Amino acid sequence: MEHIQDTIAKIRQALQKALSRLEALLREAKEKSSHALSLRIRRDFTARELLILFACGLIVGTGIKLFAEKSFTIGYSDYTVAGTAERYDINALQEELALDGSVAPSDAAPAGPMCEKE
């Protein structure tokens, strides 16, 4: 039984050493990669490069806006009702029909015999 406990203790120690080595390697790799990344990001741009980058962004942005203007953008004219020739003036139509005699205007209730129950 003691032999098994000794073996378990040795395995535990070996695992702890391996884990500490692995943690040290991970820390070192993180430091190296973050340092290399910061060197790549902190590169100094010249004024010419920044001007070219700005011009390219302006051209690409304008192109995308012009391409998508008809389908995606909302402008002032989208909130207004367009005038069409299909509008009708109902009052003028009623007056015209009354003058032609095709409509019998009546202001009073119809008079006539009433239905009665038999």
PDB file of N, CA and C in Angstrom:
ATOM      1  N   MET A   1       0.817  -1.189   0.000  1.00  0.00           N
ATOM      2  CA  MET A   1       0.000   0.000   0.000  1.00  0.00           C
ATOM      3  C   MET A   1       0.869   1.265   0.000  1.00  0.00           C
ATOM      4  N   GLU A   2       1.969   1.206   0.744  1.00  0.00           N
ATOM      5  CA  GLU A   2       2.875   2.349   0.786  1.00  0.00           C
ATOM      6  C   GLU A   2       3.511   2.586  -0.579  1.00  0.00           C
ATOM      7  N   HIS A   3       3.738   1.508  -1.289  1.00  0.00           N
ATOM      8  CA  HIS A   3       4.333   1.619  -2.622  1.00  0.00           C
ATOM      9  C   HIS A   3       3.413   2.415  -3.560  1.00  0.00           C
ATOM     10  N   ILE A   4       2.138   2.167  -3.476  1.00  0.00           N
ATOM     11  CA  ILE A   4       1.169   2.882  -4.323  1.00  0.00           C
ATOM     12  C   ILE A   4       1.117   4.353  -3.932  1.00  0.00           C
ATOM     13  N   GLN A   5       1.123   4.642  -2.640  1.00  0.00           N
ATOM     14  CA  GLN A   5       1.089   6.039  -2.183  1.00  0.00           C
ATOM     15  C   GLN A   5       2.345   6.782  -2.608  1.00  0.00           C
ATOM     16  N   ASP A   6       3.499   6.116  -2.545  1.00  0.00           N
ATOM     17  CA  ASP A   6       4.745   6.741  -3.000  1.00  0.00           C
ATOM     18  C   ASP A   6       4.684   7.044  -4.496  1.00  0.00           C
ATOM     19  N   THR A   7       4.151   6.110  -5.252  1.00  0.00           N
ATOM     20  CA  THR A   7       4.028   6.310  -6.698  1.00  0.00           C
ATOM     21  C   THR A   7       3.096   7.477  -6.996  1.00  0.00           C
ATOM     22  N   ILE A   8       1.978   7.561  -6.292  1.00  0.00           N
ATOM     23  CA  ILE A   8       1.023   8.666  -6.484  1.00  0.00           C
ATOM     24  C   ILE A   8       1.681   9.991  -6.132  1.00  0.00           C
ATOM     25  N   ALA A   9       2.467  10.039  -5.061  1.00  0.00           N
ATOM     26  CA  ALA A   9       3.158  11.270  -4.659  1.00  0.00           C
ATOM     27  C   ALA A   9       4.176  11.684  -5.712  1.00  0.00           C
ATOM     28  N   LYS A  10       4.912  10.735  -6.279  1.00  0.00           N
ATOM     29  CA  LYS A  10       5.882  11.051  -7.327  1.00  0.00           C
ATOM     30  C   LYS A  10       5.176  11.583  -8.575  1.00  0.00           C
ATOM     31  N   ILE A  11       4.065  10.954  -8.922  1.00  0.00           N
ATOM     32  CA  ILE A  11       3.300  11.413 -10.095  1.00  0.00           C
ATOM     33  C   ILE A  11       2.794  12.833  -9.862  1.00  0.00           C
ATOM     34  N   ARG A  12       2.309  13.103  -8.651  1.00  0.00           N
ATOM     35  CA  ARG A  12       1.832  14.446  -8.315  1.00  0.00           C
ATOM     36  C   ARG A  12       2.944  15.481  -8.446  1.00  0.00           C
ATOM     37  N   GLN A  13       4.120  15.158  -7.931  1.00  0.00           N
ATOM     38  CA  GLN A  13       5.253  16.081  -8.027  1.00  0.00           C
ATOM     39  C   GLN A  13       5.649  16.313  -9.481  1.00  0.00           C
ATOM     40  N   ALA A  14       5.668  15.256 -10.271  1.00  0.00           N
ATOM     41  CA  ALA A  14       6.027  15.392 -11.684  1.00  0.00           C
ATOM     42  C   ALA A  14       4.999  16.257 -12.416  1.00  0.00           C
ATOM     43  N   LEU A  15       3.727  16.064 -12.109  1.00  0.00           N
ATOM     44  CA  LEU A  15       2.674  16.875 -12.735  1.00  0.00           C
ATOM     45  C   LEU A  15       2.784  18.338 -12.329  1.00  0.00           C
ATOM     46  N   GLN A  16       3.105  18.600 -11.063  1.00  0.00           N
ATOM     47  CA  GLN A  16       3.259  19.981 -10.613  1.00  0.00           C
ATOM     48  C   GLN A  16       4.443  20.652 -11.300  1.00  0.00           C
ATOM     49  N   LYS A  17       5.555  19.935 -11.455  1.00  0.00           N
ATOM     50  CA  LYS A  17       6.711  20.491 -12.162  1.00  0.00           C
ATOM     51  C   LYS A  17       6.363  20.785 -13.617  1.00  0.00           C
ATOM     52  N   ALA A  18       5.693  19.826 -14.251  1.00  0.00           N
ATOM     53  CA  ALA A  18       5.318  20.012 -15.658  1.00  0.00           C
ATOM     54  C   ALA A  18       4.359  21.192 -15.807  1.00  0.00           C
ATOM     55  N   LEU A  19       3.434  21.324 -14.876  1.00  0.00           N
ATOM     56  CA  LEU A  19       2.477  22.429 -14.921  1.00  0.00           C
ATOM     57  C   LEU A  19       3.176  23.767 -14.732  1.00  0.00           C
ATOM     58  N   SER A  20       4.125  23.847 -13.808  1.00  0.00           N
ATOM     59  CA  SER A  20       4.846  25.106 -13.598  1.00  0.00           C
ATOM     60  C   SER A  20       5.698  25.448 -14.823  1.00  0.00           C
ATOM     61  N   ARG A  21       6.326  24.437 -15.453  1.00  0.00           N
ATOM     62  CA  ARG A  21       7.087  24.690 -16.679  1.00  0.00           C
ATOM     63  C   ARG A  21       6.171  25.191 -17.797  1.00  0.00           C
ATOM     64  N   LEU A  22       5.016  24.561 -17.915  1.00  0.00           N
ATOM     65  CA  LEU A  22       4.060  24.960 -18.953  1.00  0.00           C
ATOM     66  C   LEU A  22       3.571  26.393 -18.732  1.00  0.00           C
ATOM     67  N   GLU A  23       3.287  26.750 -17.489  1.00  0.00           N
ATOM     68  CA  GLU A  23       2.862  28.122 -17.185  1.00  0.00           C
ATOM     69  C   GLU A  23       3.961  29.121 -17.529  1.00  0.00           C
ATOM     70  N   ALA A  24       5.213  28.778 -17.220  1.00  0.00           N
ATOM     71  CA  ALA A  24       6.332  29.668 -17.542  1.00  0.00           C
ATOM     72  C   ALA A  24       6.472  29.830 -19.051  1.00  0.00           C
ATOM     73  N   LEU A  25       6.342  28.738 -19.785  1.00  0.00           N
ATOM     74  CA  LEU A  25       6.417  28.815 -21.250  1.00  0.00           C
ATOM     75  C   LEU A  25       5.277  29.660 -21.823  1.00  0.00           C
ATOM     76  N   LEU A  26       4.087  29.505 -21.283  1.00  0.00           N
ATOM     77  CA  LEU A  26       2.946  30.299 -21.754  1.00  0.00           C
ATOM     78  C   LEU A  26       3.156  31.785 -21.486  1.00  0.00           C
ATOM     79  N   ARG A  27       3.655  32.122 -20.291  1.00  0.00           N
ATOM     80  CA  ARG A  27       3.929  33.524 -19.977  1.00  0.00           C
ATOM     81  C   ARG A  27       4.957  34.110 -20.941  1.00  0.00           C
ATOM     82  N   GLU A  28       6.006  33.342 -21.197  1.00  0.00           N
ATOM     83  CA  GLU A  28       7.056  33.801 -22.107  1.00  0.00           C
ATOM     84  C   GLU A  28       6.510  33.986 -23.523  1.00  0.00           C
ATOM     85  N   ALA A  29       5.680  33.051 -23.978  1.00  0.00           N
ATOM     86  CA  ALA A  29       5.106  33.155 -25.325  1.00  0.00           C
ATOM     87  C   ALA A  29       4.180  34.365 -25.427  1.00  0.00           C
ATOM     88  N   LYS A  30       3.408  34.618 -24.377  1.00  0.00           N
ATOM     89  CA  LYS A  30       2.513  35.786 -24.383  1.00  0.00           C
ATOM     90  C   LYS A  30       3.310  37.082 -24.452  1.00  0.00           C
ATOM     91  N   GLU A  31       4.373  37.157 -23.668  1.00  0.00           N
ATOM     92  CA  GLU A  31       5.193  38.370 -23.672  1.00  0.00           C
ATOM     93  C   GLU A  31       5.825  38.605 -25.041  1.00  0.00           C
ATOM     94  N   LYS A  32       6.329  37.541 -25.656  1.00  0.00           N
ATOM     95  CA  LYS A  32       6.956  37.687 -26.970  1.00  0.00           C
ATOM     96  C   LYS A  32       5.938  38.089 -28.028  1.00  0.00           C
ATOM     97  N   SER A  33       4.781  37.442 -28.008  1.00  0.00           N
ATOM     98  CA  SER A  33       3.784  37.744 -29.044  1.00  0.00           C
ATOM     99  C   SER A  33       3.211  39.141 -28.857  1.00  0.00           C
ATOM    100  N   SER A  34       2.977  39.556 -27.618  1.00  0.00           N
ATOM    101  CA  SER A  34       2.440  40.902 -27.411  1.00  0.00           C
ATOM    102  C   SER A  34       3.475  41.958 -27.781  1.00  0.00           C
ATOM    103  N   HIS A  35       4.751  41.677 -27.514  1.00  0.00           N
ATOM    104  CA  HIS A  35       5.806  42.620 -27.888  1.00  0.00           C
ATOM    105  C   HIS A  35       5.912  42.723 -29.412  1.00  0.00           C
ATOM    106  N   ALA A  36       5.871  41.587 -30.099  1.00  0.00           N
ATOM    107  CA  ALA A  36       5.946  41.598 -31.566  1.00  0.00           C
ATOM    108  C   ALA A  36       4.724  42.291 -32.156  1.00  0.00           C
ATOM    109  N   LEU A  37       3.559  42.055 -31.570  1.00  0.00           N
ATOM    110  CA  LEU A  37       2.336  42.695 -32.059  1.00  0.00           C
ATOM    111  C   LEU A  37       2.393  44.198 -31.843  1.00  0.00           C
ATOM    112  N   SER A  38       2.890  44.620 -30.694  1.00  0.00           N
ATOM    113  CA  SER A  38       2.974  46.058 -30.438  1.00  0.00           C
ATOM    114  C   SER A  38       3.979  46.719 -31.378  1.00  0.00           C
ATOM    115  N   LEU A  39       5.037  46.012 -31.745  1.00  0.00           N
ATOM    116  CA  LEU A  39       5.986  46.575 -32.703  1.00  0.00           C
ATOM    117  C   LEU A  39       5.337  46.740 -34.075  1.00  0.00           C
ATOM    118  N   ARG A  40       4.499  45.781 -34.468  1.00  0.00           N
ATOM    119  CA  ARG A  40       3.833  45.886 -35.760  1.00  0.00           C
ATOM    120  C   ARG A  40       2.800  47.001 -35.751  1.00  0.00           C
ATOM    121  N   ILE A  41       2.087  47.177 -34.659  1.00  0.00           N
ATOM    122  CA  ILE A  41       1.034  48.193 -34.587  1.00  0.00           C
ATOM    123  C   ILE A  41       1.627  49.588 -34.473  1.00  0.00           C
ATOM    124  N   ARG A  42       2.715  49.736 -33.763  1.00  0.00           N
ATOM    125  CA  ARG A  42       3.281  51.059 -33.499  1.00  0.00           C
ATOM    126  C   ARG A  42       4.172  51.572 -34.625  1.00  0.00           C
ATOM    127  N   ARG A  43       4.079  50.987 -35.776  1.00  0.00           N
ATOM    128  CA  ARG A  43       4.894  51.445 -36.901  1.00  0.00           C
ATOM    129  C   ARG A  43       4.510  52.877 -37.242  1.00  0.00           C
ATOM    130  N   ASP A  44       5.488  53.695 -37.470  1.00  0.00           N
ATOM    131  CA  ASP A  44       5.218  55.096 -37.797  1.00  0.00           C
ATOM    132  C   ASP A  44       4.812  55.216 -39.256  1.00  0.00           C
ATOM    133  N   PHE A  45       3.677  55.886 -39.469  1.00  0.00           N
ATOM    134  CA  PHE A  45       3.215  56.130 -40.830  1.00  0.00           C
ATOM    135  C   PHE A  45       3.738  57.479 -41.296  1.00  0.00           C
ATOM    136  N   THR A  46       4.087  57.552 -42.553  1.00  0.00           N
ATOM    137  CA  THR A  46       4.494  58.834 -43.115  1.00  0.00           C
ATOM    138  C   THR A  46       3.240  59.588 -43.539  1.00  0.00           C
ATOM    139  N   ALA A  47       3.399  60.877 -43.758  1.00  0.00           N
ATOM    140  CA  ALA A  47       2.261  61.704 -44.165  1.00  0.00           C
ATOM    141  C   ALA A  47       1.723  61.240 -45.513  1.00  0.00           C
ATOM    142  N   ARG A  48       2.610  60.793 -46.372  1.00  0.00           N
ATOM    143  CA  ARG A  48       2.183  60.317 -47.700  1.00  0.00           C
ATOM    144  C   ARG A  48       1.306  59.076 -47.573  1.00  0.00           C
ATOM    145  N   GLU A  49       1.698  58.135 -46.697  1.00  0.00           N
ATOM    146  CA  GLU A  49       0.905  56.921 -46.507  1.00  0.00           C
ATOM    147  C   GLU A  49      -0.467  57.238 -45.930  1.00  0.00           C
ATOM    148  N   LEU A  50      -0.506  58.155 -44.967  1.00  0.00           N
ATOM    149  CA  LEU A  50      -1.793  58.534 -44.385  1.00  0.00           C
ATOM    150  C   LEU A  50      -2.685  59.227 -45.403  1.00  0.00           C
ATOM    151  N   LEU A  51      -2.110  60.055 -46.253  1.00  0.00           N
ATOM    152  CA  LEU A  51      -2.882  60.730 -47.294  1.00  0.00           C
ATOM    153  C   LEU A  51      -3.441  59.720 -48.296  1.00  0.00           C
ATOM    154  N   ILE A  52      -2.637  58.747 -48.679  1.00  0.00           N
ATOM    155  CA  ILE A  52      -3.107  57.706 -49.603  1.00  0.00           C
ATOM    156  C   ILE A  52      -4.211  56.875 -48.948  1.00  0.00           C
ATOM    157  N   LEU A  53      -4.042  56.544 -47.676  1.00  0.00           N
ATOM    158  CA  LEU A  53      -5.060  55.784 -46.953  1.00  0.00           C
ATOM    159  C   LEU A  53      -6.367  56.564 -46.868  1.00  0.00           C
ATOM    160  N   PHE A  54      -6.292  57.854 -46.581  1.00  0.00           N
ATOM    161  CA  PHE A  54      -7.487  58.702 -46.511  1.00  0.00           C
ATOM    162  C   PHE A  54      -8.177  58.784 -47.869  1.00  0.00           C
ATOM    163  N   ALA A  55      -7.394  58.968 -48.929  1.00  0.00           N
ATOM    164  CA  ALA A  55      -7.972  59.067 -50.277  1.00  0.00           C
ATOM    165  C   ALA A  55      -8.647  57.757 -50.678  1.00  0.00           C
ATOM    166  N   CYS A  56      -8.014  56.640 -50.376  1.00  0.00           N
ATOM    167  CA  CYS A  56      -8.622  55.340 -50.699  1.00  0.00           C
ATOM    168  C   CYS A  56      -9.919  55.140 -49.917  1.00  0.00           C
ATOM    169  N   GLY A  57      -9.925  55.501 -48.651  1.00  0.00           N
ATOM    170  CA  GLY A  57     -11.143  55.394 -47.852  1.00  0.00           C
ATOM    171  C   GLY A  57     -12.251  56.275 -48.385  1.00  0.00           C
ATOM    172  N   LEU A  58     -11.896  57.479 -48.809  1.00  0.00           N
ATOM    173  CA  LEU A  58     -12.885  58.398 -49.375  1.00  0.00           C
ATOM    174  C   LEU A  58     -13.469  57.842 -50.670  1.00  0.00           C
ATOM    175  N   ILE A  59     -12.627  57.310 -51.521  1.00  0.00           N
ATOM    176  CA  ILE A  59     -13.096  56.756 -52.799  1.00  0.00           C
ATOM    177  C   ILE A  59     -13.972  55.525 -52.569  1.00  0.00           C
ATOM    178  N   VAL A  60     -13.538  54.635 -51.701  1.00  0.00           N
ATOM    179  CA  VAL A  60     -14.321  53.426 -51.431  1.00  0.00           C
ATOM    180  C   VAL A  60     -15.654  53.785 -50.777  1.00  0.00           C
ATOM    181  N   GLY A  61     -15.652  54.700 -49.818  1.00  0.00           N
ATOM    182  CA  GLY A  61     -16.890  55.105 -49.160  1.00  0.00           C
ATOM    183  C   GLY A  61     -17.869  55.754 -50.112  1.00  0.00           C
ATOM    184  N   THR A  62     -17.378  56.620 -50.985  1.00  0.00           N
ATOM    185  CA  THR A  62     -18.246  57.264 -51.971  1.00  0.00           C
ATOM    186  C   THR A  62     -18.803  56.236 -52.944  1.00  0.00           C
ATOM    187  N   GLY A  63     -17.980  55.302 -53.365  1.00  0.00           N
ATOM    188  CA  GLY A  63     -18.451  54.257 -54.282  1.00  0.00           C
ATOM    189  C   GLY A  63     -19.531  53.395 -53.661  1.00  0.00           C
ATOM    190  N   ILE A  64     -19.347  53.010 -52.411  1.00  0.00           N
ATOM    191  CA  ILE A  64     -20.359  52.198 -51.727  1.00  0.00           C
ATOM    192  C   ILE A  64     -21.651  52.979 -51.571  1.00  0.00           C
ATOM    193  N   LYS A  65     -21.549  54.260 -51.228  1.00  0.00           N
ATOM    194  CA  LYS A  65     -22.748  55.078 -51.056  1.00  0.00           C
ATOM    195  C   LYS A  65     -23.497  55.225 -52.373  1.00  0.00           C
ATOM    196  N   LEU A  66     -22.783  55.476 -53.446  1.00  0.00           N
ATOM    197  CA  LEU A  66     -23.439  55.628 -54.743  1.00  0.00           C
ATOM    198  C   LEU A  66     -24.068  54.320 -55.202  1.00  0.00           C
ATOM    199  N   PHE A  67     -23.418  53.221 -54.923  1.00  0.00           N
ATOM    200  CA  PHE A  67     -23.938  51.924 -55.332  1.00  0.00           C
ATOM    201  C   PHE A  67     -25.204  51.561 -54.552  1.00  0.00           C
ATOM    202  N   ALA A  68     -25.233  51.883 -53.256  1.00  0.00           N
ATOM    203  CA  ALA A  68     -26.345  51.469 -52.405  1.00  0.00           C
ATOM    204  C   ALA A  68     -27.405  52.545 -52.232  1.00  0.00           C
ATOM    205  N   GLU A  69     -27.236  53.689 -52.854  1.00  0.00           N
ATOM    206  CA  GLU A  69     -28.139  54.818 -52.617  1.00  0.00           C
ATOM    207  C   GLU A  69     -29.586  54.499 -52.972  1.00  0.00           C
ATOM    208  N   LYS A  70     -29.809  53.821 -54.063  1.00  0.00           N
ATOM    209  CA  LYS A  70     -31.168  53.548 -54.520  1.00  0.00           C
ATOM    210  C   LYS A  70     -31.877  52.506 -53.665  1.00  0.00           C
ATOM    211  N   SER A  71     -31.136  51.610 -53.051  1.00  0.00           N
ATOM    212  CA  SER A  71     -31.799  50.522 -52.343  1.00  0.00           C
ATOM    213  C   SER A  71     -31.740  50.620 -50.823  1.00  0.00           C
ATOM    214  N   PHE A  72     -30.781  51.326 -50.259  1.00  0.00           N
ATOM    215  CA  PHE A  72     -30.623  51.295 -48.812  1.00  0.00           C
ATOM    216  C   PHE A  72     -30.857  52.624 -48.114  1.00  0.00           C
ATOM    217  N   THR A  73     -30.587  53.726 -48.757  1.00  0.00           N
ATOM    218  CA  THR A  73     -30.638  55.001 -48.057  1.00  0.00           C
ATOM    219  C   THR A  73     -32.048  55.566 -48.033  1.00  0.00           C
ATOM    220  N   ILE A  74     -32.337  56.371 -47.033  1.00  0.00           N
ATOM    221  CA  ILE A  74     -33.631  57.019 -46.884  1.00  0.00           C
ATOM    222  C   ILE A  74     -33.392  58.515 -46.964  1.00  0.00           C
ATOM    223  N   GLY A  75     -34.101  59.159 -47.836  1.00  0.00           N
ATOM    224  CA  GLY A  75     -33.946  60.595 -48.014  1.00  0.00           C
ATOM    225  C   GLY A  75     -35.238  61.329 -47.720  1.00  0.00           C
ATOM    226  N   TYR A  76     -35.216  62.634 -47.948  1.00  0.00           N
ATOM    227  CA  TYR A  76     -36.378  63.465 -47.668  1.00  0.00           C
ATOM    228  C   TYR A  76     -37.569  63.051 -48.526  1.00  0.00           C
ATOM    229  N   SER A  77     -37.337  62.694 -49.765  1.00  0.00           N
ATOM    230  CA  SER A  77     -38.438  62.376 -50.678  1.00  0.00           C
ATOM    231  C   SER A  77     -39.158  61.088 -50.288  1.00  0.00           C
ATOM    232  N   ASP A  78     -38.572  60.261 -49.438  1.00  0.00           N
ATOM    233  CA  ASP A  78     -39.240  59.033 -49.014  1.00  0.00           C
ATOM    234  C   ASP A  78     -40.400  59.313 -48.065  1.00  0.00           C
ATOM    235  N   TYR A  79     -40.425  60.493 -47.452  1.00  0.00           N
ATOM    236  CA  TYR A  79     -41.482  60.815 -46.504  1.00  0.00           C
ATOM    237  C   TYR A  79     -42.598  61.643 -47.123  1.00  0.00           C
ATOM    238  N   THR A  80     -42.479  62.002 -48.369  1.00  0.00           N
ATOM    239  CA  THR A  80     -43.505  62.812 -49.021  1.00  0.00           C
ATOM    240  C   THR A  80     -44.298  61.959 -49.992  1.00  0.00           C
ATOM    241  N   VAL A  81     -45.531  62.385 -50.267  1.00  0.00           N
ATOM    242  CA  VAL A  81     -46.387  61.680 -51.212  1.00  0.00           C
ATOM    243  C   VAL A  81     -46.186  62.313 -52.575  1.00  0.00           C
ATOM    244  N   ALA A  82     -45.871  61.497 -53.536  1.00  0.00           N
ATOM    245  CA  ALA A  82     -45.635  62.011 -54.882  1.00  0.00           C
ATOM    246  C   ALA A  82     -46.968  62.384 -55.524  1.00  0.00           C
ATOM    247  N   GLY A  83     -47.008  63.517 -56.207  1.00  0.00           N
ATOM    248  CA  GLY A  83     -48.220  63.942 -56.895  1.00  0.00           C
ATOM    249  C   GLY A  83     -48.424  63.115 -58.150  1.00  0.00           C
ATOM    250  N   THR A  84     -49.633  62.617 -58.327  1.00  0.00           N
ATOM    251  CA  THR A  84     -49.931  61.806 -59.506  1.00  0.00           C
ATOM    252  C   THR A  84     -51.125  62.392 -60.235  1.00  0.00           C
ATOM    253  N   ALA A  85     -51.286  62.006 -61.479  1.00  0.00           N
ATOM    254  CA  ALA A  85     -52.407  62.481 -62.292  1.00  0.00           C
ATOM    255  C   ALA A  85     -53.668  61.678 -62.000  1.00  0.00           C
ATOM    256  N   GLU A  86     -53.599  60.687 -61.142  1.00  0.00           N
ATOM    257  CA  GLU A  86     -54.751  59.839 -60.854  1.00  0.00           C
ATOM    258  C   GLU A  86     -55.596  60.360 -59.694  1.00  0.00           C
ATOM    259  N   ARG A  87     -55.355  61.537 -59.234  1.00  0.00           N
ATOM    260  CA  ARG A  87     -56.156  62.100 -58.147  1.00  0.00           C
ATOM    261  C   ARG A  87     -57.493  62.579 -58.698  1.00  0.00           C
ATOM    262  N   TYR A  88     -58.532  62.399 -57.924  1.00  0.00           N
ATOM    263  CA  TYR A  88     -59.875  62.801 -58.337  1.00  0.00           C
ATOM    264  C   TYR A  88     -60.459  63.755 -57.312  1.00  0.00           C
ATOM    265  N   ASP A  89     -61.174  64.752 -57.812  1.00  0.00           N
ATOM    266  CA  ASP A  89     -61.909  65.665 -56.940  1.00  0.00           C
ATOM    267  C   ASP A  89     -63.351  65.182 -56.914  1.00  0.00           C
ATOM    268  N   ILE A  90     -63.758  64.590 -55.814  1.00  0.00           N
ATOM    269  CA  ILE A  90     -65.092  63.982 -55.724  1.00  0.00           C
ATOM    270  C   ILE A  90     -66.183  65.041 -55.854  1.00  0.00           C
ATOM    271  N   ASN A  91     -65.983  66.193 -55.262  1.00  0.00           N
ATOM    272  CA  ASN A  91     -67.005  67.243 -55.345  1.00  0.00           C
ATOM    273  C   ASN A  91     -67.213  67.687 -56.790  1.00  0.00           C
ATOM    274  N   ALA A  92     -66.137  67.851 -57.527  1.00  0.00           N
ATOM    275  CA  ALA A  92     -66.264  68.254 -58.930  1.00  0.00           C
ATOM    276  C   ALA A  92     -66.942  67.162 -59.745  1.00  0.00           C
ATOM    277  N   LEU A  93     -66.644  65.903 -59.462  1.00  0.00           N
ATOM    278  CA  LEU A  93     -67.294  64.805 -60.179  1.00  0.00           C
ATOM    279  C   LEU A  93     -68.792  64.771 -59.889  1.00  0.00           C
ATOM    280  N   GLN A  94     -69.193  64.998 -58.643  1.00  0.00           N
ATOM    281  CA  GLN A  94     -70.618  65.002 -58.298  1.00  0.00           C
ATOM    282  C   GLN A  94     -71.345  66.141 -59.007  1.00  0.00           C
ATOM    283  N   GLU A  95     -70.731  67.310 -59.032  1.00  0.00           N
ATOM    284  CA  GLU A  95     -71.362  68.446 -59.715  1.00  0.00           C
ATOM    285  C   GLU A  95     -71.495  68.170 -61.210  1.00  0.00           C
ATOM    286  N   GLU A  96     -70.469  67.599 -61.803  1.00  0.00           N
ATOM    287  CA  GLU A  96     -70.501  67.296 -63.235  1.00  0.00           C
ATOM    288  C   GLU A  96     -71.587  66.274 -63.559  1.00  0.00           C
ATOM    289  N   LEU A  97     -71.699  65.238 -62.749  1.00  0.00           N
ATOM    290  CA  LEU A  97     -72.728  64.226 -62.976  1.00  0.00           C
ATOM    291  C   LEU A  97     -74.124  64.797 -62.753  1.00  0.00           C
ATOM    292  N   ALA A  98     -74.278  65.689 -61.793  1.00  0.00           N
ATOM    293  CA  ALA A  98     -75.584  66.296 -61.540  1.00  0.00           C
ATOM    294  C   ALA A  98     -75.986  67.187 -62.708  1.00  0.00           C
ATOM    295  N   LEU A  99     -75.032  67.892 -63.303  1.00  0.00           N
ATOM    296  CA  LEU A  99     -75.345  68.752 -64.447  1.00  0.00           C
ATOM    297  C   LEU A  99     -75.688  67.929 -65.687  1.00  0.00           C
ATOM    298  N   ASP A 100     -75.072  66.784 -65.854  1.00  0.00           N
ATOM    299  CA  ASP A 100     -75.348  65.927 -67.010  1.00  0.00           C
ATOM    300  C   ASP A 100     -76.675  65.194 -66.868  1.00  0.00           C
ATOM    301  N   GLY A 101     -77.195  65.094 -65.668  1.00  0.00           N
ATOM    302  CA  GLY A 101     -78.464  64.419 -65.455  1.00  0.00           C
ATOM    303  C   GLY A 101     -78.334  62.928 -65.282  1.00  0.00           C
ATOM    304  N   SER A 102     -77.150  62.419 -65.114  1.00  0.00           N
ATOM    305  CA  SER A 102     -76.995  60.979 -64.950  1.00  0.00           C
ATOM    306  C   SER A 102     -77.190  60.544 -63.507  1.00  0.00           C
ATOM    307  N   VAL A 103     -77.290  61.493 -62.612  1.00  0.00           N
ATOM    308  CA  VAL A 103     -77.511  61.188 -61.204  1.00  0.00           C
ATOM    309  C   VAL A 103     -78.705  61.991 -60.735  1.00  0.00           C
ATOM    310  N   ALA A 104     -79.571  61.359 -60.001  1.00  0.00           N
ATOM    311  CA  ALA A 104     -80.724  62.065 -59.456  1.00  0.00           C
ATOM    312  C   ALA A 104     -80.407  62.415 -58.017  1.00  0.00           C
ATOM    313  N   PRO A 105     -79.992  63.663 -57.783  1.00  0.00           N
ATOM    314  CA  PRO A 105     -79.679  64.041 -56.399  1.00  0.00           C
ATOM    315  C   PRO A 105     -80.952  64.103 -55.570  1.00  0.00           C
ATOM    316  N   SER A 106     -80.875  63.618 -54.376  1.00  0.00           N
ATOM    317  CA  SER A 106     -82.034  63.681 -53.488  1.00  0.00           C
ATOM    318  C   SER A 106     -81.549  64.028 -52.101  1.00  0.00           C
ATOM    319  N   ASP A 107     -82.181  65.043 -51.560  1.00  0.00           N
ATOM    320  CA  ASP A 107     -81.822  65.475 -50.219  1.00  0.00           C
ATOM    321  C   ASP A 107     -82.772  64.907 -49.180  1.00  0.00           C
ATOM    322  N   ALA A 108     -83.988  64.514 -49.625  1.00  0.00           N
ATOM    323  CA  ALA A 108     -84.995  64.033 -48.682  1.00  0.00           C
ATOM    324  C   ALA A 108     -85.030  62.511 -48.699  1.00  0.00           C
ATOM    325  N   ALA A 109     -85.650  61.964 -47.681  1.00  0.00           N
ATOM    326  CA  ALA A 109     -85.818  60.521 -47.606  1.00  0.00           C
ATOM    327  C   ALA A 109     -86.850  60.092 -48.641  1.00  0.00           C
ATOM    328  N   PRO A 110     -86.685  58.944 -49.244  1.00  0.00           N
ATOM    329  CA  PRO A 110     -87.659  58.509 -50.243  1.00  0.00           C
ATOM    330  C   PRO A 110     -89.039  58.300 -49.620  1.00  0.00           C
ATOM    331  N   ALA A 111     -90.065  58.715 -50.370  1.00  0.00           N
ATOM    332  CA  ALA A 111     -91.446  58.564 -49.896  1.00  0.00           C
ATOM    333  C   ALA A 111     -92.137  57.526 -50.762  1.00  0.00           C
ATOM    334  N   GLY A 112     -92.985  56.728 -50.170  1.00  0.00           N
ATOM    335  CA  GLY A 112     -93.690  55.711 -50.928  1.00  0.00           C
ATOM    336  C   GLY A 112     -94.399  54.757 -49.996  1.00  0.00           C
ATOM    337  N   PRO A 113     -95.032  53.747 -50.564  1.00  0.00           N
ATOM    338  CA  PRO A 113     -95.773  52.812 -49.718  1.00  0.00           C
ATOM    339  C   PRO A 113     -94.824  52.036 -48.801  1.00  0.00           C
ATOM    340  N   MET A 114     -95.330  51.693 -47.666  1.00  0.00           N
ATOM    341  CA  MET A 114     -94.550  50.966 -46.673  1.00  0.00           C
ATOM    342  C   MET A 114     -94.964  49.509 -46.671  1.00  0.00           C
ATOM    343  N   CYS A 115     -94.060  48.670 -46.362  1.00  0.00           N
ATOM    344  CA  CYS A 115     -94.369  47.246 -46.265  1.00  0.00           C
ATOM    345  C   CYS A 115     -95.040  46.989 -44.926  1.00  0.00           C
ATOM    346  N   GLU A 116     -96.106  46.208 -44.973  1.00  0.00           N
ATOM    347  CA  GLU A 116     -96.814  45.875 -43.736  1.00  0.00           C
ATOM    348  C   GLU A 116     -96.921  44.377 -43.620  1.00  0.00           C
ATOM    349  N   LYS A 117     -97.034  43.937 -42.395  1.00  0.00           N
ATOM    350  CA  LYS A 117     -97.214  42.509 -42.158  1.00  0.00           C
ATOM    351  C   LYS A 117     -98.659  42.142 -42.435  1.00  0.00           C
ATOM    352  N   GLU A 118     -98.891  41.007 -42.970  1.00  0.00           N
ATOM    353  CA  GLU A 118    -100.262  40.583 -43.232  1.00  0.00           C
ATOM    354  C   GLU A 118    -100.740  39.618 -42.224  1.00  0.00           C
TER     355      GLU A 118
END
